[in-house]
PDB file of all heavy atoms in Angstrom:
ATOM      1  N   ALA A   1       0.827  -1.204   0.000  1.00  0.00           N
ATOM      2  CA  ALA A   1       0.000   0.000   0.000  1.00  0.00           C
ATOM      3  C   ALA A   1       0.863   1.258   0.000  1.00  0.00           C
ATOM      4  O   ALA A   1       0.576   2.229  -0.716  1.00  0.00           O
ATOM      5  CB  ALA A   1      -0.926  -0.013   1.214  1.00  0.00           C
ATOM      6  N   VAL A   2       1.946   1.274   0.792  1.00  0.00           N
ATOM      7  CA  VAL A   2       2.820   2.445   0.837  1.00  0.00           C
ATOM      8  C   VAL A   2       3.530   2.629  -0.496  1.00  0.00           C
ATOM      9  O   VAL A   2       3.655   3.760  -0.999  1.00  0.00           O
ATOM     10  CB  VAL A   2       3.822   2.325   1.991  1.00  0.00           C
ATOM     11  CG1 VAL A   2       4.862   3.438   1.923  1.00  0.00           C
ATOM     12  CG2 VAL A   2       3.089   2.372   3.327  1.00  0.00           C
ATOM     13  N   ARG A   3       3.978   1.536  -1.084  1.00  0.00           N
ATOM     14  CA  ARG A   3       4.641   1.625  -2.386  1.00  0.00           C
ATOM     15  C   ARG A   3       3.673   2.156  -3.442  1.00  0.00           C
ATOM     16  O   ARG A   3       4.047   2.984  -4.286  1.00  0.00           O
ATOM     17  CB  ARG A   3       5.161   0.245  -2.794  1.00  0.00           C
ATOM     18  CG  ARG A   3       5.851   0.201  -4.147  1.00  0.00           C
ATOM     19  CD  ARG A   3       7.118   1.035  -4.147  1.00  0.00           C
ATOM     20  NE  ARG A   3       8.158   0.441  -3.314  1.00  0.00           N
ATOM     21  CZ  ARG A   3       9.335   0.988  -3.075  1.00  0.00           C
ATOM     22  NH1 ARG A   3       9.604   2.199  -3.594  1.00  0.00           N
ATOM     23  NH2 ARG A   3      10.232   0.389  -2.311  1.00  0.00           N
ATOM     24  N   LYS A   4       2.447   1.700  -3.400  1.00  0.00           N
ATOM     25  CA  LYS A   4       1.434   2.185  -4.353  1.00  0.00           C
ATOM     26  C   LYS A   4       1.224   3.692  -4.191  1.00  0.00           C
ATOM     27  O   LYS A   4       1.092   4.430  -5.168  1.00  0.00           O
ATOM     28  CB  LYS A   4       0.124   1.436  -4.128  1.00  0.00           C
ATOM     29  CG  LYS A   4      -1.025   1.868  -5.032  1.00  0.00           C
ATOM     30  CD  LYS A   4      -2.248   0.986  -4.788  1.00  0.00           C
ATOM     31  CE  LYS A   4      -3.446   1.469  -5.591  1.00  0.00           C
ATOM     32  NZ  LYS A   4      -3.950   2.762  -5.130  1.00  0.00           N
ATOM     33  N   LEU A   5       1.187   4.171  -2.946  1.00  0.00           N
ATOM     34  CA  LEU A   5       1.021   5.596  -2.691  1.00  0.00           C
ATOM     35  C   LEU A   5       2.206   6.381  -3.256  1.00  0.00           C
ATOM     36  O   LEU A   5       2.014   7.436  -3.888  1.00  0.00           O
ATOM     37  CB  LEU A   5       0.888   5.837  -1.186  1.00  0.00           C
ATOM     38  CG  LEU A   5       0.731   7.298  -0.730  1.00  0.00           C
ATOM     39  CD1 LEU A   5      -0.539   7.914  -1.296  1.00  0.00           C
ATOM     40  CD2 LEU A   5       0.738   7.376   0.800  1.00  0.00           C
ATOM     41  N   GLU A   6       3.416   5.869  -3.046  1.00  0.00           N
ATOM     42  CA  GLU A   6       4.599   6.560  -3.570  1.00  0.00           C
ATOM     43  C   GLU A   6       4.562   6.629  -5.096  1.00  0.00           C
ATOM     44  O   GLU A   6       4.903   7.662  -5.686  1.00  0.00           O
ATOM     45  CB  GLU A   6       5.866   5.838  -3.110  1.00  0.00           C
ATOM     46  CG  GLU A   6       6.149   6.003  -1.620  1.00  0.00           C
ATOM     47  CD  GLU A   6       7.378   5.235  -1.179  1.00  0.00           C
ATOM     48  OE1 GLU A   6       7.535   4.083  -1.643  1.00  0.00           O
ATOM     49  OE2 GLU A   6       8.175   5.769  -0.377  1.00  0.00           O
ATOM     50  N   GLU A   7       4.123   5.551  -5.727  1.00  0.00           N
ATOM     51  CA  GLU A   7       4.053   5.544  -7.184  1.00  0.00           C
ATOM     52  C   GLU A   7       3.013   6.545  -7.688  1.00  0.00           C
ATOM     53  O   GLU A   7       3.236   7.238  -8.695  1.00  0.00           O
ATOM     54  CB  GLU A   7       3.716   4.135  -7.677  1.00  0.00           C
ATOM     55  CG  GLU A   7       4.856   3.131  -7.456  1.00  0.00           C
ATOM     56  CD  GLU A   7       4.441   1.712  -7.799  1.00  0.00           C
ATOM     57  OE1 GLU A   7       3.234   1.516  -8.092  1.00  0.00           O
ATOM     58  OE2 GLU A   7       5.308   0.805  -7.769  1.00  0.00           O
ATOM     59  N   GLU A   8       1.873   6.646  -6.974  1.00  0.00           N
ATOM     60  CA  GLU A   8       0.840   7.578  -7.408  1.00  0.00           C
ATOM     61  C   GLU A   8       1.282   9.025  -7.233  1.00  0.00           C
ATOM     62  O   GLU A   8       0.994   9.889  -8.070  1.00  0.00           O
ATOM     63  CB  GLU A   8      -0.450   7.324  -6.625  1.00  0.00           C
ATOM     64  CG  GLU A   8      -1.616   8.170  -7.092  1.00  0.00           C
ATOM     65  CD  GLU A   8      -2.948   7.686  -6.534  1.00  0.00           C
ATOM     66  OE1 GLU A   8      -2.989   6.588  -5.941  1.00  0.00           O
ATOM     67  OE2 GLU A   8      -3.933   8.418  -6.691  1.00  0.00           O
ATOM     68  N   LEU A   9       2.020   9.294  -6.138  1.00  0.00           N
ATOM     69  CA  LEU A   9       2.503  10.646  -5.888  1.00  0.00           C
ATOM     70  C   LEU A   9       3.725  10.980  -6.737  1.00  0.00           C
ATOM     71  O   LEU A   9       4.043  12.153  -6.952  1.00  0.00           O
ATOM     72  CB  LEU A   9       2.834  10.827  -4.406  1.00  0.00           C
ATOM     73  CG  LEU A   9       1.640  10.782  -3.429  1.00  0.00           C
ATOM     74  CD1 LEU A   9       2.133  10.798  -1.985  1.00  0.00           C
ATOM     75  CD2 LEU A   9       0.704  11.970  -3.679  1.00  0.00           C
ATOM     76  N   GLY A  10       4.415   9.948  -7.168  1.00  0.00           N
ATOM     77  CA  GLY A  10       5.618  10.161  -7.971  1.00  0.00           C
ATOM     78  C   GLY A  10       6.822  10.572  -7.153  1.00  0.00           C
ATOM     79  O   GLY A  10       7.771  11.161  -7.705  1.00  0.00           O
ATOM     80  N   VAL A  11       6.829  10.297  -5.840  1.00  0.00           N
ATOM     81  CA  VAL A  11       7.962  10.630  -4.966  1.00  0.00           C
ATOM     82  C   VAL A  11       8.221   9.460  -4.023  1.00  0.00           C
ATOM     83  O   VAL A  11       7.363   8.615  -3.790  1.00  0.00           O
ATOM     84  CB  VAL A  11       7.693  11.900  -4.125  1.00  0.00           C
ATOM     85  CG1 VAL A  11       7.520  13.113  -5.017  1.00  0.00           C
ATOM     86  CG2 VAL A  11       6.477  11.711  -3.227  1.00  0.00           C
ATOM     87  N   THR A  12       9.457   9.417  -3.514  1.00  0.00           N
ATOM     88  CA  THR A  12       9.801   8.431  -2.494  1.00  0.00           C
ATOM     89  C   THR A  12       9.574   9.062  -1.126  1.00  0.00           C
ATOM     90  O   THR A  12      10.156  10.102  -0.803  1.00  0.00           O
ATOM     91  CB  THR A  12      11.266   7.982  -2.633  1.00  0.00           C
ATOM     92  OG1 THR A  12      11.450   7.385  -3.924  1.00  0.00           O
ATOM     93  CG2 THR A  12      11.632   6.986  -1.553  1.00  0.00           C
ATOM     94  N   LEU A  13       8.732   8.431  -0.325  1.00  0.00           N
ATOM     95  CA  LEU A  13       8.410   8.973   0.996  1.00  0.00           C
ATOM     96  C   LEU A  13       9.421   8.534   2.052  1.00  0.00           C
ATOM     97  O   LEU A  13       9.712   9.306   2.991  1.00  0.00           O
ATOM     98  CB  LEU A  13       7.000   8.525   1.423  1.00  0.00           C
ATOM     99  CG  LEU A  13       5.839   8.973   0.519  1.00  0.00           C
ATOM    100  CD1 LEU A  13       4.526   8.344   1.002  1.00  0.00           C
ATOM    101  CD2 LEU A  13       5.715  10.499   0.513  1.00  0.00           C
ATOM    102  N   PHE A  14       9.958   7.311   1.921  1.00  0.00           N
ATOM    103  CA  PHE A  14      10.799   6.743   2.972  1.00  0.00           C
ATOM    104  C   PHE A  14      12.107   6.218   2.397  1.00  0.00           C
ATOM    105  O   PHE A  14      12.153   5.673   1.295  1.00  0.00           O
ATOM    106  CB  PHE A  14      10.070   5.585   3.667  1.00  0.00           C
ATOM    107  CG  PHE A  14       8.744   5.963   4.271  1.00  0.00           C
ATOM    108  CD1 PHE A  14       7.559   5.623   3.629  1.00  0.00           C
ATOM    109  CD2 PHE A  14       8.683   6.666   5.472  1.00  0.00           C
ATOM    110  CE1 PHE A  14       6.339   5.967   4.175  1.00  0.00           C
ATOM    111  CE2 PHE A  14       7.460   7.007   6.023  1.00  0.00           C
ATOM    112  CZ  PHE A  14       6.285   6.662   5.377  1.00  0.00           C
ATOM    113  N   GLU A  15      13.157   6.388   3.178  1.00  0.00           N
ATOM    114  CA  GLU A  15      14.415   5.683   2.935  1.00  0.00           C
ATOM    115  C   GLU A  15      14.382   4.414   3.775  1.00  0.00           C
ATOM    116  O   GLU A  15      14.284   4.464   4.987  1.00  0.00           O
ATOM    117  CB  GLU A  15      15.601   6.558   3.337  1.00  0.00           C
ATOM    118  CG  GLU A  15      15.779   7.794   2.470  1.00  0.00           C
ATOM    119  CD  GLU A  15      17.001   8.588   2.879  1.00  0.00           C
ATOM    120  OE1 GLU A  15      17.829   8.058   3.681  1.00  0.00           O
ATOM    121  OE2 GLU A  15      17.140   9.737   2.429  1.00  0.00           O
ATOM    122  N   ARG A  16      14.464   3.272   3.105  1.00  0.00           N
ATOM    123  CA  ARG A  16      14.328   1.991   3.771  1.00  0.00           C
ATOM    124  C   ARG A  16      15.705   1.425   4.082  1.00  0.00           C
ATOM    125  O   ARG A  16      16.462   1.109   3.178  1.00  0.00           O
ATOM    126  CB  ARG A  16      13.520   1.033   2.911  1.00  0.00           C
ATOM    127  CG  ARG A  16      12.064   1.495   2.658  1.00  0.00           C
ATOM    128  CD  ARG A  16      11.483   0.862   1.408  1.00  0.00           C
ATOM    129  NE  ARG A  16      10.063   1.108   1.226  1.00  0.00           N
ATOM    130  CZ  ARG A  16       9.534   2.208   0.723  1.00  0.00           C
ATOM    131  NH1 ARG A  16      10.340   3.214   0.336  1.00  0.00           N
ATOM    132  NH2 ARG A  16       8.243   2.331   0.598  1.00  0.00           N
ATOM    133  N   GLY A  17      16.019   1.312   5.378  1.00  0.00           N
ATOM    134  CA  GLY A  17      17.284   0.709   5.803  1.00  0.00           C
ATOM    135  C   GLY A  17      17.023  -0.640   6.438  1.00  0.00           C
ATOM    136  O   GLY A  17      15.889  -1.109   6.536  1.00  0.00           O
ATOM    137  N   HIS A  18      18.098  -1.265   6.929  1.00  0.00           N
ATOM    138  CA  HIS A  18      17.950  -2.588   7.553  1.00  0.00           C
ATOM    139  C   HIS A  18      17.267  -2.499   8.921  1.00  0.00           C
ATOM    140  O   HIS A  18      16.448  -3.353   9.260  1.00  0.00           O
ATOM    141  CB  HIS A  18      19.321  -3.267   7.708  1.00  0.00           C
ATOM    142  CG  HIS A  18      19.921  -3.662   6.401  1.00  0.00           C
ATOM    143  ND1 HIS A  18      19.386  -4.630   5.586  1.00  0.00           N
ATOM    144  CD2 HIS A  18      21.021  -3.188   5.748  1.00  0.00           C
ATOM    145  CE1 HIS A  18      20.109  -4.759   4.502  1.00  0.00           C
ATOM    146  NE2 HIS A  18      21.136  -3.879   4.567  1.00  0.00           N
ATOM    147  N   GLY A  19      17.584  -1.486   9.674  1.00  0.00           N
ATOM    148  CA  GLY A  19      17.034  -1.434  11.027  1.00  0.00           C
ATOM    149  C   GLY A  19      15.978  -0.366  11.237  1.00  0.00           C
ATOM    150  O   GLY A  19      15.177  -0.464  12.160  1.00  0.00           O
ATOM    151  N   GLU A  20      15.964   0.653  10.379  1.00  0.00           N
ATOM    152  CA  GLU A  20      15.051   1.766  10.622  1.00  0.00           C
ATOM    153  C   GLU A  20      14.643   2.405   9.310  1.00  0.00           C
ATOM    154  O   GLU A  20      15.376   2.340   8.321  1.00  0.00           O
ATOM    155  CB  GLU A  20      15.719   2.804  11.525  1.00  0.00           C
ATOM    156  CG  GLU A  20      14.771   3.906  12.004  1.00  0.00           C
ATOM    157  CD  GLU A  20      15.433   4.849  12.993  1.00  0.00           C
ATOM    158  OE1 GLU A  20      16.052   5.812  12.507  1.00  0.00           O
ATOM    159  OE2 GLU A  20      15.345   4.626  14.215  1.00  0.00           O
ATOM    160  N   VAL A  21      13.472   3.022   9.330  1.00  0.00           N
ATOM    161  CA  VAL A  21      12.936   3.732   8.170  1.00  0.00           C
ATOM    162  C   VAL A  21      12.972   5.216   8.489  1.00  0.00           C
ATOM    163  O   VAL A  21      12.592   5.643   9.578  1.00  0.00           O
ATOM    164  CB  VAL A  21      11.499   3.290   7.866  1.00  0.00           C
ATOM    165  CG1 VAL A  21      10.904   4.125   6.735  1.00  0.00           C
ATOM    166  CG2 VAL A  21      11.462   1.804   7.516  1.00  0.00           C
ATOM    167  N   THR A  22      13.457   6.021   7.551  1.00  0.00           N
ATOM    168  CA  THR A  22      13.477   7.474   7.745  1.00  0.00           C
ATOM    169  C   THR A  22      12.710   8.149   6.615  1.00  0.00           C
ATOM    170  O   THR A  22      12.605   7.629   5.500  1.00  0.00           O
ATOM    171  CB  THR A  22      14.906   8.012   7.766  1.00  0.00           C
ATOM    172  OG1 THR A  22      15.555   7.668   6.535  1.00  0.00           O
ATOM    173  CG2 THR A  22      15.688   7.430   8.938  1.00  0.00           C
ATOM    174  N   LEU A  23      12.165   9.312   6.923  1.00  0.00           N
ATOM    175  CA  LEU A  23      11.421  10.087   5.936  1.00  0.00           C
ATOM    176  C   LEU A  23      12.373  10.864   5.037  1.00  0.00           C
ATOM    177  O   LEU A  23      13.366  11.420   5.502  1.00  0.00           O
ATOM    178  CB  LEU A  23      10.487  11.077   6.630  1.00  0.00           C
ATOM    179  CG  LEU A  23       9.176  10.509   7.179  1.00  0.00           C
ATOM    180  CD1 LEU A  23       8.568  11.484   8.183  1.00  0.00           C
ATOM    181  CD2 LEU A  23       8.195  10.225   6.057  1.00  0.00           C
ATOM    182  N   THR A  24      12.064  10.893   3.754  1.00  0.00           N
ATOM    183  CA  THR A  24      12.790  11.767   2.848  1.00  0.00           C
ATOM    184  C   THR A  24      12.303  13.201   3.042  1.00  0.00           C
ATOM    185  O   THR A  24      11.245  13.419   3.662  1.00  0.00           O
ATOM    186  CB  THR A  24      12.538  11.348   1.392  1.00  0.00           C
ATOM    187  OG1 THR A  24      11.155  11.543   1.088  1.00  0.00           O
ATOM    188  CG2 THR A  24      12.907   9.887   1.173  1.00  0.00           C
ATOM    189  N   PRO A  25      13.034  14.194   2.547  1.00  0.00           N
ATOM    190  CA  PRO A  25      12.521  15.575   2.648  1.00  0.00           C
ATOM    191  C   PRO A  25      11.129  15.725   2.035  1.00  0.00           C
ATOM    192  O   PRO A  25      10.262  16.405   2.597  1.00  0.00           O
ATOM    193  CB  PRO A  25      13.570  16.382   1.892  1.00  0.00           C
ATOM    194  CG  PRO A  25      14.827  15.595   2.059  1.00  0.00           C
ATOM    195  CD  PRO A  25      14.409  14.162   2.019  1.00  0.00           C
ATOM    196  N   ALA A  26      10.915  15.094   0.882  1.00  0.00           N
ATOM    197  CA  ALA A  26       9.585  15.144   0.273  1.00  0.00           C
ATOM    198  C   ALA A  26       8.566  14.440   1.157  1.00  0.00           C
ATOM    199  O   ALA A  26       7.420  14.890   1.320  1.00  0.00           O
ATOM    200  CB  ALA A  26       9.604  14.511  -1.110  1.00  0.00           C
ATOM    201  N   GLY A  27       8.983  13.325   1.788  1.00  0.00           N
ATOM    202  CA  GLY A  27       8.094  12.595   2.678  1.00  0.00           C
ATOM    203  C   GLY A  27       7.689  13.416   3.889  1.00  0.00           C
ATOM    204  O   GLY A  27       6.536  13.362   4.337  1.00  0.00           O
ATOM    205  N   GLU A  28       8.634  14.205   4.424  1.00  0.00           N
ATOM    206  CA  GLU A  28       8.322  15.068   5.577  1.00  0.00           C
ATOM    207  C   GLU A  28       7.179  16.017   5.234  1.00  0.00           C
ATOM    208  O   GLU A  28       6.218  16.169   5.990  1.00  0.00           O
ATOM    209  CB  GLU A  28       9.567  15.873   5.974  1.00  0.00           C
ATOM    210  CG  GLU A  28      10.684  15.060   6.601  1.00  0.00           C
ATOM    211  CD  GLU A  28      10.487  14.859   8.094  1.00  0.00           C
ATOM    212  OE1 GLU A  28       9.433  15.298   8.612  1.00  0.00           O
ATOM    213  OE2 GLU A  28      11.362  14.264   8.734  1.00  0.00           O
ATOM    214  N   ALA A  29       7.298  16.681   4.078  1.00  0.00           N
ATOM    215  CA  ALA A  29       6.287  17.663   3.685  1.00  0.00           C
ATOM    216  C   ALA A  29       4.950  16.995   3.382  1.00  0.00           C
ATOM    217  O   ALA A  29       3.882  17.453   3.826  1.00  0.00           O
ATOM    218  CB  ALA A  29       6.769  18.449   2.478  1.00  0.00           C
ATOM    219  N   LEU A  30       5.004  15.888   2.636  1.00  0.00           N
ATOM    220  CA  LEU A  30       3.753  15.237   2.253  1.00  0.00           C
ATOM    221  C   LEU A  30       3.050  14.588   3.434  1.00  0.00           C
ATOM    222  O   LEU A  30       1.814  14.598   3.517  1.00  0.00           O
ATOM    223  CB  LEU A  30       4.029  14.201   1.171  1.00  0.00           C
ATOM    224  CG  LEU A  30       4.454  14.783  -0.192  1.00  0.00           C
ATOM    225  CD1 LEU A  30       4.926  13.693  -1.126  1.00  0.00           C
ATOM    226  CD2 LEU A  30       3.283  15.543  -0.820  1.00  0.00           C
ATOM    227  N   LEU A  31       3.818  14.034   4.381  1.00  0.00           N
ATOM    228  CA  LEU A  31       3.192  13.402   5.543  1.00  0.00           C
ATOM    229  C   LEU A  31       2.581  14.440   6.486  1.00  0.00           C
ATOM    230  O   LEU A  31       1.596  14.160   7.165  1.00  0.00           O
ATOM    231  CB  LEU A  31       4.194  12.512   6.263  1.00  0.00           C
ATOM    232  CG  LEU A  31       4.137  11.007   5.887  1.00  0.00           C
ATOM    233  CD1 LEU A  31       2.769  10.428   6.286  1.00  0.00           C
ATOM    234  CD2 LEU A  31       4.367  10.791   4.399  1.00  0.00           C
ATOM    235  N   ARG A  32       3.143  15.652   6.538  1.00  0.00           N
ATOM    236  CA  ARG A  32       2.492  16.699   7.329  1.00  0.00           C
ATOM    237  C   ARG A  32       1.099  16.994   6.782  1.00  0.00           C
ATOM    238  O   ARG A  32       0.127  17.138   7.516  1.00  0.00           O
ATOM    239  CB  ARG A  32       3.345  17.981   7.324  1.00  0.00           C
ATOM    240  CG  ARG A  32       4.495  17.959   8.303  1.00  0.00           C
ATOM    241  CD  ARG A  32       5.037  19.360   8.544  1.00  0.00           C
ATOM    242  NE  ARG A  32       5.549  19.979   7.316  1.00  0.00           N
ATOM    243  CZ  ARG A  32       6.805  19.864   6.892  1.00  0.00           C
ATOM    244  NH1 ARG A  32       7.680  19.154   7.601  1.00  0.00           N
ATOM    245  NH2 ARG A  32       7.194  20.454   5.777  1.00  0.00           N
ATOM    246  N   GLN A  33       1.016  17.062   5.448  1.00  0.00           N
ATOM    247  CA  GLN A  33      -0.294  17.306   4.826  1.00  0.00           C
ATOM    248  C   GLN A  33      -1.209  16.099   5.023  1.00  0.00           C
ATOM    249  O   GLN A  33      -2.412  16.260   5.258  1.00  0.00           O
ATOM    250  CB  GLN A  33      -0.121  17.601   3.341  1.00  0.00           C
ATOM    251  CG  GLN A  33      -1.410  17.912   2.599  1.00  0.00           C
ATOM    252  CD  GLN A  33      -2.085  19.171   3.126  1.00  0.00           C
ATOM    253  OE1 GLN A  33      -1.411  20.114   3.552  1.00  0.00           O
ATOM    254  NE2 GLN A  33      -3.412  19.180   3.113  1.00  0.00           N
ATOM    255  N   ALA A  34      -0.659  14.906   4.935  1.00  0.00           N
ATOM    256  CA  ALA A  34      -1.467  13.696   5.125  1.00  0.00           C
ATOM    257  C   ALA A  34      -2.078  13.667   6.520  1.00  0.00           C
ATOM    258  O   ALA A  34      -3.241  13.286   6.695  1.00  0.00           O
ATOM    259  CB  ALA A  34      -0.614  12.453   4.888  1.00  0.00           C
ATOM    260  N   ARG A  35      -1.301  14.095   7.517  1.00  0.00           N
ATOM    261  CA  ARG A  35      -1.840  14.116   8.890  1.00  0.00           C
ATOM    262  C   ARG A  35      -2.984  15.115   9.009  1.00  0.00           C
ATOM    263  O   ARG A  35      -3.965  14.877   9.716  1.00  0.00           O
ATOM    264  CB  ARG A  35      -0.727  14.444   9.883  1.00  0.00           C
ATOM    265  CG  ARG A  35       0.335  13.347   9.996  1.00  0.00           C
ATOM    266  CD  ARG A  35       1.316  13.648  11.120  1.00  0.00           C
ATOM    267  NE  ARG A  35       2.453  12.747  11.087  1.00  0.00           N
ATOM    268  CZ  ARG A  35       3.637  13.036  10.546  1.00  0.00           C
ATOM    269  NH1 ARG A  35       3.843  14.236   9.979  1.00  0.00           N
ATOM    270  NH2 ARG A  35       4.612  12.156  10.562  1.00  0.00           N
ATOM    271  N   ARG A  36      -2.850  16.263   8.321  1.00  0.00           N
ATOM    272  CA  ARG A  36      -3.940  17.235   8.361  1.00  0.00           C
ATOM    273  C   ARG A  36      -5.203  16.660   7.716  1.00  0.00           C
ATOM    274  O   ARG A  36      -6.315  16.865   8.200  1.00  0.00           O
ATOM    275  CB  ARG A  36      -3.525  18.533   7.657  1.00  0.00           C
ATOM    276  CG  ARG A  36      -2.558  19.384   8.478  1.00  0.00           C
ATOM    277  CD  ARG A  36      -2.441  20.789   7.910  1.00  0.00           C
ATOM    278  NE  ARG A  36      -1.673  20.817   6.676  1.00  0.00           N
ATOM    279  CZ  ARG A  36      -0.348  21.020   6.617  1.00  0.00           C
ATOM    280  NH1 ARG A  36       0.344  21.214   7.742  1.00  0.00           N
ATOM    281  NH2 ARG A  36       0.277  21.043   5.458  1.00  0.00           N
ATOM    282  N   VAL A  37      -5.010  15.948   6.598  1.00  0.00           N
ATOM    283  CA  VAL A  37      -6.155  15.315   5.939  1.00  0.00           C
ATOM    284  C   VAL A  37      -6.816  14.307   6.872  1.00  0.00           C
ATOM    285  O   VAL A  37      -8.043  14.278   7.026  1.00  0.00           O
ATOM    286  CB  VAL A  37      -5.711  14.633   4.634  1.00  0.00           C
ATOM    287  CG1 VAL A  37      -6.846  13.773   4.064  1.00  0.00           C
ATOM    288  CG2 VAL A  37      -5.267  15.662   3.610  1.00  0.00           C
ATOM    289  N   LEU A  38      -6.002  13.488   7.533  1.00  0.00           N
ATOM    290  CA  LEU A  38      -6.552  12.468   8.436  1.00  0.00           C
ATOM    291  C   LEU A  38      -7.236  13.101   9.644  1.00  0.00           C
ATOM    292  O   LEU A  38      -8.257  12.595  10.135  1.00  0.00           O
ATOM    293  CB  LEU A  38      -5.443  11.514   8.880  1.00  0.00           C
ATOM    294  CG  LEU A  38      -4.847  10.641   7.767  1.00  0.00           C
ATOM    295  CD1 LEU A  38      -3.626   9.880   8.267  1.00  0.00           C
ATOM    296  CD2 LEU A  38      -5.901   9.677   7.229  1.00  0.00           C
ATOM    297  N   ASP A  39      -6.685  14.205  10.125  1.00  0.00           N
ATOM    298  CA  ASP A  39      -7.335  14.919  11.236  1.00  0.00           C
ATOM    299  C   ASP A  39      -8.711  15.430  10.821  1.00  0.00           C
ATOM    300  O   ASP A  39      -9.679  15.347  11.584  1.00  0.00           O
ATOM    301  CB  ASP A  39      -6.460  16.087  11.712  1.00  0.00           C
ATOM    302  CG  ASP A  39      -5.243  15.626  12.486  1.00  0.00           C
ATOM    303  OD1 ASP A  39      -5.223  14.452  12.917  1.00  0.00           O
ATOM    304  OD2 ASP A  39      -4.307  16.442  12.648  1.00  0.00           O
ATOM    305  N   GLU A  40      -8.791  15.980   9.604  1.00  0.00           N
ATOM    306  CA  GLU A  40     -10.075  16.487   9.130  1.00  0.00           C
ATOM    307  C   GLU A  40     -11.074  15.359   8.927  1.00  0.00           C
ATOM    308  O   GLU A  40     -12.271  15.509   9.219  1.00  0.00           O
ATOM    309  CB  GLU A  40      -9.881  17.263   7.823  1.00  0.00           C
ATOM    310  CG  GLU A  40      -9.175  18.593   7.975  1.00  0.00           C
ATOM    311  CD  GLU A  40      -9.956  19.550   8.856  1.00  0.00           C
ATOM    312  OE1 GLU A  40     -11.202  19.562   8.768  1.00  0.00           O
ATOM    313  OE2 GLU A  40      -9.325  20.271   9.658  1.00  0.00           O
TER     314      GLU A  40
END
């Protein structure tokens, strides 16, 4: 589901490592908006 979302948005949201996942700069901005959408 997350990969499908990234493909639809055309950006990579997360950097996937072996032990931890971090947000990309684009992911930081888009996830802030996503949280606002979910709050509404």
